[in-house]
Amino acid sequence: MTGPLIDLGDVEAPDPQRLSAYFALMEAVTLLQHQVEQQLRSVGLSTVQFQVLSSLAAADGKLTMTALADGVVYSRSGLTYQAGLLEKAGLITREPSPDDERGTLVTITKKGVALLNRALPGHIEVVGRLLFEPLSERDLGRLGEIMSRVRDHMRAQPPRSAAPRKRRNGDQSKGGTGR
């Protein structure tokens, strides 16, 4: 077969170096994420639940649902569902925010901290073995600088929590707020 299999229309195809870097990144992320998910499942957590507990622990135990959604890059409805599971398991509590009547404050419990502490050693081992082991100190510094720059560029966009909610029928063209 000759000629391209994919028609990009008017979009210019990425050069081979960019394409190669992109596919290597995507494959590495997928491989790492799979192993991390397996390790977290062994202690009864999903990746998102681990991120929620870790974010709360790093923030001295309390965050708003909006801050959590922005931090773990997860949808509001998905985070609400996950928070419900964590609350039912006694790992977090949710209460109205004293600073914002529309906000919800999420707090990690002692049980949540204990589970996070149980998950961390295995998590650190998997990430160290798969991500950091093949890197020199120089590589690690460069990777950190590069990924921080990419993350900061991506985070310069409005947070997902600032995006308007979609109407159930998906039509926002009539000026509705989608609430």
C-alpha atoms as a PDB file:
ATOM      1  CA  MET A   1       0.000   0.000   0.000  1.00  0.00           C
ATOM      2  CA  THR A   2       1.362   3.408  -0.874  1.00  0.00           C
ATOM      3  CA  GLY A   3       0.479   6.792   0.516  1.00  0.00           C
ATOM      4  CA  PRO A   4      -0.686   7.816   3.961  1.00  0.00           C
ATOM      5  CA  LEU A   5      -3.401   5.860   5.713  1.00  0.00           C
ATOM      6  CA  ILE A   6      -4.553   8.877   7.687  1.00  0.00           C
ATOM      7  CA  ASP A   7      -5.896  12.111   6.235  1.00  0.00           C
ATOM      8  CA  LEU A   8      -5.087  15.057   8.514  1.00  0.00           C
ATOM      9  CA  GLY A   9      -6.839  17.557   6.279  1.00  0.00           C
ATOM     10  CA  ASP A  10      -5.222  20.966   6.629  1.00  0.00           C
ATOM     11  CA  VAL A  11      -3.354  20.051   9.818  1.00  0.00           C
ATOM     12  CA  GLU A  12       0.392  19.694   9.385  1.00  0.00           C
ATOM     13  CA  ALA A  13       1.699  16.306  10.518  1.00  0.00           C
ATOM     14  CA  PRO A  14       4.080  16.415  13.474  1.00  0.00           C
ATOM     15  CA  ASP A  15       7.713  15.834  12.664  1.00  0.00           C
ATOM     16  CA  PRO A  16       9.078  12.343  13.450  1.00  0.00           C
ATOM     17  CA  GLN A  17      10.994  13.535  16.536  1.00  0.00           C
ATOM     18  CA  ARG A  18       7.841  15.001  18.120  1.00  0.00           C
ATOM     19  CA  LEU A  19       5.786  11.968  17.195  1.00  0.00           C
ATOM     20  CA  SER A  20       8.394   9.624  18.648  1.00  0.00           C
ATOM     21  CA  ALA A  21       8.631  11.643  21.892  1.00  0.00           C
ATOM     22  CA  TYR A  22       4.844  11.722  22.222  1.00  0.00           C
ATOM     23  CA  PHE A  23       4.390   7.988  21.696  1.00  0.00           C
ATOM     24  CA  ALA A  24       7.266   7.138  24.052  1.00  0.00           C
ATOM     25  CA  LEU A  25       5.716   9.358  26.734  1.00  0.00           C
ATOM     26  CA  MET A  26       2.262   7.835  26.271  1.00  0.00           C
ATOM     27  CA  GLU A  27       3.609   4.277  26.423  1.00  0.00           C
ATOM     28  CA  ALA A  28       5.737   4.987  29.503  1.00  0.00           C
ATOM     29  CA  VAL A  29       2.808   6.642  31.288  1.00  0.00           C
ATOM     30  CA  THR A  30       0.513   3.726  30.430  1.00  0.00           C
ATOM     31  CA  LEU A  31       3.026   1.124  31.641  1.00  0.00           C
ATOM     32  CA  LEU A  32       3.715   3.022  34.875  1.00  0.00           C
ATOM     33  CA  GLN A  33       0.037   3.722  35.502  1.00  0.00           C
ATOM     34  CA  HIS A  34      -0.847   0.029  35.110  1.00  0.00           C
ATOM     35  CA  GLN A  35       1.741  -1.053  37.694  1.00  0.00           C
ATOM     36  CA  VAL A  36       0.759   1.734  40.086  1.00  0.00           C
ATOM     37  CA  GLU A  37      -2.910   0.747  39.773  1.00  0.00           C
ATOM     38  CA  GLN A  38      -2.050  -2.884  40.533  1.00  0.00           C
ATOM     39  CA  GLN A  39      -0.075  -1.901  43.623  1.00  0.00           C
ATOM     40  CA  LEU A  40      -2.799   0.438  44.894  1.00  0.00           C
ATOM     41  CA  ARG A  41      -5.506  -2.181  44.348  1.00  0.00           C
ATOM     42  CA  SER A  42      -3.528  -4.493  46.611  1.00  0.00           C
ATOM     43  CA  VAL A  43      -4.303  -2.111  49.511  1.00  0.00           C
ATOM     44  CA  GLY A  44      -7.865  -1.393  48.379  1.00  0.00           C
ATOM     45  CA  LEU A  45      -7.429   1.990  46.681  1.00  0.00           C
ATOM     46  CA  SER A  46      -7.974   3.303  43.183  1.00  0.00           C
ATOM     47  CA  THR A  47      -5.502   5.750  41.684  1.00  0.00           C
ATOM     48  CA  VAL A  48      -7.929   8.643  42.163  1.00  0.00           C
ATOM     49  CA  GLN A  49      -8.596   7.672  45.774  1.00  0.00           C
ATOM     50  CA  PHE A  50      -4.846   7.553  46.411  1.00  0.00           C
ATOM     51  CA  GLN A  51      -4.487  11.003  44.824  1.00  0.00           C
ATOM     52  CA  VAL A  52      -7.301  12.374  46.995  1.00  0.00           C
ATOM     53  CA  LEU A  53      -5.801  10.993  50.204  1.00  0.00           C
ATOM     54  CA  SER A  54      -2.293  12.137  49.212  1.00  0.00           C
ATOM     55  CA  SER A  55      -3.546  15.633  48.339  1.00  0.00           C
ATOM     56  CA  LEU A  56      -5.357  15.912  51.660  1.00  0.00           C
ATOM     57  CA  ALA A  57      -2.326  14.695  53.614  1.00  0.00           C
ATOM     58  CA  ALA A  58      -0.061  17.166  51.791  1.00  0.00           C
ATOM     59  CA  ALA A  59      -2.500  19.995  52.603  1.00  0.00           C
ATOM     60  CA  ASP A  60      -2.467  19.337  56.352  1.00  0.00           C
ATOM     61  CA  GLY A  61      -5.591  17.215  56.073  1.00  0.00           C
ATOM     62  CA  LYS A  62      -8.209  19.581  54.608  1.00  0.00           C
ATOM     63  CA  LEU A  63      -9.184  20.869  51.160  1.00  0.00           C
ATOM     64  CA  THR A  64     -12.318  22.004  49.409  1.00  0.00           C
ATOM     65  CA  MET A  65     -13.892  19.716  46.825  1.00  0.00           C
ATOM     66  CA  THR A  66     -13.022  22.308  44.156  1.00  0.00           C
ATOM     67  CA  ALA A  67      -9.350  22.336  45.150  1.00  0.00           C
ATOM     68  CA  LEU A  68      -9.335  18.536  45.148  1.00  0.00           C
ATOM     69  CA  ALA A  69     -10.946  18.353  41.692  1.00  0.00           C
ATOM     70  CA  ASP A  70      -8.391  20.800  40.294  1.00  0.00           C
ATOM     71  CA  GLY A  71      -5.499  19.042  42.014  1.00  0.00           C
ATOM     72  CA  VAL A  72      -6.325  15.497  40.979  1.00  0.00           C
ATOM     73  CA  VAL A  73      -7.584  16.619  37.548  1.00  0.00           C
ATOM     74  CA  TYR A  74     -10.859  14.768  37.846  1.00  0.00           C
ATOM     75  CA  SER A  75     -14.437  15.674  36.991  1.00  0.00           C
ATOM     76  CA  ARG A  76     -16.666  17.125  39.689  1.00  0.00           C
ATOM     77  CA  SER A  77     -19.169  14.295  39.447  1.00  0.00           C
ATOM     78  CA  GLY A  78     -16.456  11.629  39.420  1.00  0.00           C
ATOM     79  CA  LEU A  79     -14.764  13.171  42.427  1.00  0.00           C
ATOM     80  CA  THR A  80     -18.072  13.416  44.283  1.00  0.00           C
ATOM     81  CA  TYR A  81     -18.610   9.710  43.670  1.00  0.00           C
ATOM     82  CA  GLN A  82     -15.069   8.802  44.809  1.00  0.00           C
ATOM     83  CA  ALA A  83     -15.400  11.046  47.877  1.00  0.00           C
ATOM     84  CA  GLY A  84     -18.627   9.233  48.726  1.00  0.00           C
ATOM     85  CA  LEU A  85     -16.814   5.887  48.602  1.00  0.00           C
ATOM     86  CA  LEU A  86     -13.949   7.223  50.731  1.00  0.00           C
ATOM     87  CA  GLU A  87     -16.377   8.728  53.235  1.00  0.00           C
ATOM     88  CA  LYS A  88     -18.381   5.487  53.454  1.00  0.00           C
ATOM     89  CA  ALA A  89     -15.119   3.651  54.165  1.00  0.00           C
ATOM     90  CA  GLY A  90     -14.319   6.153  56.953  1.00  0.00           C
ATOM     91  CA  LEU A  91     -11.230   7.511  55.170  1.00  0.00           C
ATOM     92  CA  ILE A  92     -12.469  11.104  54.798  1.00  0.00           C
ATOM     93  CA  THR A  93     -15.227  13.330  56.105  1.00  0.00           C
ATOM     94  CA  ARG A  94     -17.135  16.018  54.215  1.00  0.00           C
ATOM     95  CA  GLU A  95     -18.829  19.039  55.729  1.00  0.00           C
ATOM     96  CA  PRO A  96     -20.001  22.470  54.599  1.00  0.00           C
ATOM     97  CA  SER A  97     -17.143  24.932  54.263  1.00  0.00           C
ATOM     98  CA  PRO A  98     -17.150  27.605  56.971  1.00  0.00           C
ATOM     99  CA  ASP A  99     -15.713  30.078  54.418  1.00  0.00           C
ATOM    100  CA  ASP A 100     -18.059  29.397  51.478  1.00  0.00           C
ATOM    101  CA  GLU A 101     -21.673  28.374  51.943  1.00  0.00           C
ATOM    102  CA  ARG A 102     -21.650  26.594  48.564  1.00  0.00           C
ATOM    103  CA  GLY A 103     -18.378  24.786  49.225  1.00  0.00           C
ATOM    104  CA  THR A 104     -17.634  21.455  50.811  1.00  0.00           C
ATOM    105  CA  LEU A 105     -14.598  20.886  53.009  1.00  0.00           C
ATOM    106  CA  VAL A 106     -12.997  17.447  52.843  1.00  0.00           C
ATOM    107  CA  THR A 107     -10.855  16.153  55.712  1.00  0.00           C
ATOM    108  CA  ILE A 108      -8.745  13.003  55.839  1.00  0.00           C
ATOM    109  CA  THR A 109      -9.436  10.832  58.890  1.00  0.00           C
ATOM    110  CA  LYS A 110      -6.948   8.911  61.032  1.00  0.00           C
ATOM    111  CA  LYS A 111      -8.087   5.765  59.227  1.00  0.00           C
ATOM    112  CA  GLY A 112      -7.378   7.501  55.890  1.00  0.00           C
ATOM    113  CA  VAL A 113      -3.900   8.519  57.029  1.00  0.00           C
ATOM    114  CA  ALA A 114      -3.224   4.943  58.200  1.00  0.00           C
ATOM    115  CA  LEU A 115      -4.277   3.499  54.825  1.00  0.00           C
ATOM    116  CA  LEU A 116      -2.200   6.071  52.950  1.00  0.00           C
ATOM    117  CA  ASN A 117       0.810   5.176  55.102  1.00  0.00           C
ATOM    118  CA  ARG A 118       0.218   1.504  54.310  1.00  0.00           C
ATOM    119  CA  ALA A 119       0.019   2.234  50.554  1.00  0.00           C
ATOM    120  CA  LEU A 120       3.050   4.533  50.309  1.00  0.00           C
ATOM    121  CA  PRO A 121       5.931   2.053  50.689  1.00  0.00           C
ATOM    122  CA  GLY A 122       4.713  -0.128  47.809  1.00  0.00           C
ATOM    123  CA  HIS A 123       3.859   2.930  45.738  1.00  0.00           C
ATOM    124  CA  ILE A 124       7.326   4.392  46.244  1.00  0.00           C
ATOM    125  CA  GLU A 125       8.918   1.045  45.348  1.00  0.00           C
ATOM    126  CA  VAL A 126       6.948   0.704  42.074  1.00  0.00           C
ATOM    127  CA  VAL A 127       7.603   4.283  40.982  1.00  0.00           C
ATOM    128  CA  GLY A 128      11.267   4.073  41.959  1.00  0.00           C
ATOM    129  CA  ARG A 129      11.828   0.787  40.138  1.00  0.00           C
ATOM    130  CA  LEU A 130       9.979   1.694  36.954  1.00  0.00           C
ATOM    131  CA  LEU A 131      10.500   5.438  36.597  1.00  0.00           C
ATOM    132  CA  PHE A 132      13.603   6.474  38.512  1.00  0.00           C
ATOM    133  CA  GLU A 133      15.859   3.403  38.356  1.00  0.00           C
ATOM    134  CA  PRO A 134      16.894   3.848  34.700  1.00  0.00           C
ATOM    135  CA  LEU A 135      17.667   7.558  35.181  1.00  0.00           C
ATOM    136  CA  SER A 136      20.903   9.209  36.234  1.00  0.00           C
ATOM    137  CA  GLU A 137      20.795  12.126  38.661  1.00  0.00           C
ATOM    138  CA  ARG A 138      21.286  14.463  35.698  1.00  0.00           C
ATOM    139  CA  ASP A 139      18.429  12.763  33.795  1.00  0.00           C
ATOM    140  CA  LEU A 140      16.199  13.057  36.836  1.00  0.00           C
ATOM    141  CA  GLY A 141      16.908  16.773  37.159  1.00  0.00           C
ATOM    142  CA  ARG A 142      16.222  17.355  33.474  1.00  0.00           C
ATOM    143  CA  LEU A 143      13.050  15.257  33.554  1.00  0.00           C
ATOM    144  CA  GLY A 144      11.796  17.197  36.572  1.00  0.00           C
ATOM    145  CA  GLU A 145      12.496  20.521  34.877  1.00  0.00           C
ATOM    146  CA  ILE A 146      10.878  19.464  31.611  1.00  0.00           C
ATOM    147  CA  MET A 147       7.767  17.937  33.163  1.00  0.00           C
ATOM    148  CA  SER A 148       7.343  20.880  35.532  1.00  0.00           C
ATOM    149  CA  ARG A 149       7.454  23.251  32.563  1.00  0.00           C
ATOM    150  CA  VAL A 150       4.922  21.133  30.643  1.00  0.00           C
ATOM    151  CA  ARG A 151       2.653  20.815  33.699  1.00  0.00           C
ATOM    152  CA  ASP A 152       2.805  24.555  34.386  1.00  0.00           C
ATOM    153  CA  HIS A 153       1.968  25.276  30.733  1.00  0.00           C
ATOM    154  CA  MET A 154      -1.034  22.947  30.937  1.00  0.00           C
ATOM    155  CA  ARG A 155      -2.132  24.314  34.312  1.00  0.00           C
ATOM    156  CA  ALA A 156      -2.080  27.867  32.903  1.00  0.00           C
ATOM    157  CA  GLN A 157      -5.370  26.921  31.236  1.00  0.00           C
ATOM    158  CA  PRO A 158      -8.509  27.473  33.336  1.00  0.00           C
ATOM    159  CA  PRO A 159      -9.013  24.650  35.845  1.00  0.00           C
ATOM    160  CA  ARG A 160     -11.584  21.999  35.012  1.00  0.00           C
ATOM    161  CA  SER A 161     -13.729  23.181  37.911  1.00  0.00           C
ATOM    162  CA  ALA A 162     -14.060  26.544  36.125  1.00  0.00           C
ATOM    163  CA  ALA A 163     -15.501  24.953  32.986  1.00  0.00           C
ATOM    164  CA  PRO A 164     -19.257  25.335  32.595  1.00  0.00           C
ATOM    165  CA  ARG A 165     -21.253  22.245  33.348  1.00  0.00           C
ATOM    166  CA  LYS A 166     -22.824  20.524  30.383  1.00  0.00           C
ATOM    167  CA  ARG A 167     -26.573  20.296  30.166  1.00  0.00           C
ATOM    168  CA  ARG A 168     -27.980  16.798  30.251  1.00  0.00           C
ATOM    169  CA  ASN A 169     -28.816  16.996  26.553  1.00  0.00           C
ATOM    170  CA  GLY A 170     -25.336  18.444  25.869  1.00  0.00           C
ATOM    171  CA  ASP A 171     -26.765  21.690  24.386  1.00  0.00           C
ATOM    172  CA  GLN A 172     -25.431  24.909  25.885  1.00  0.00           C
ATOM    173  CA  SER A 173     -26.140  27.056  22.844  1.00  0.00           C
ATOM    174  CA  LYS A 174     -29.358  28.488  24.318  1.00  0.00           C
ATOM    175  CA  GLY A 175     -27.459  30.502  26.953  1.00  0.00           C
ATOM    176  CA  GLY A 176     -28.088  28.154  29.851  1.00  0.00           C
ATOM    177  CA  THR A 177     -25.559  27.768  32.601  1.00  0.00           C
ATOM    178  CA  GLY A 178     -25.805  24.024  32.531  1.00  0.00           C
ATOM    179  CA  ARG A 179     -26.388  23.825  36.277  1.00  0.00           C
END
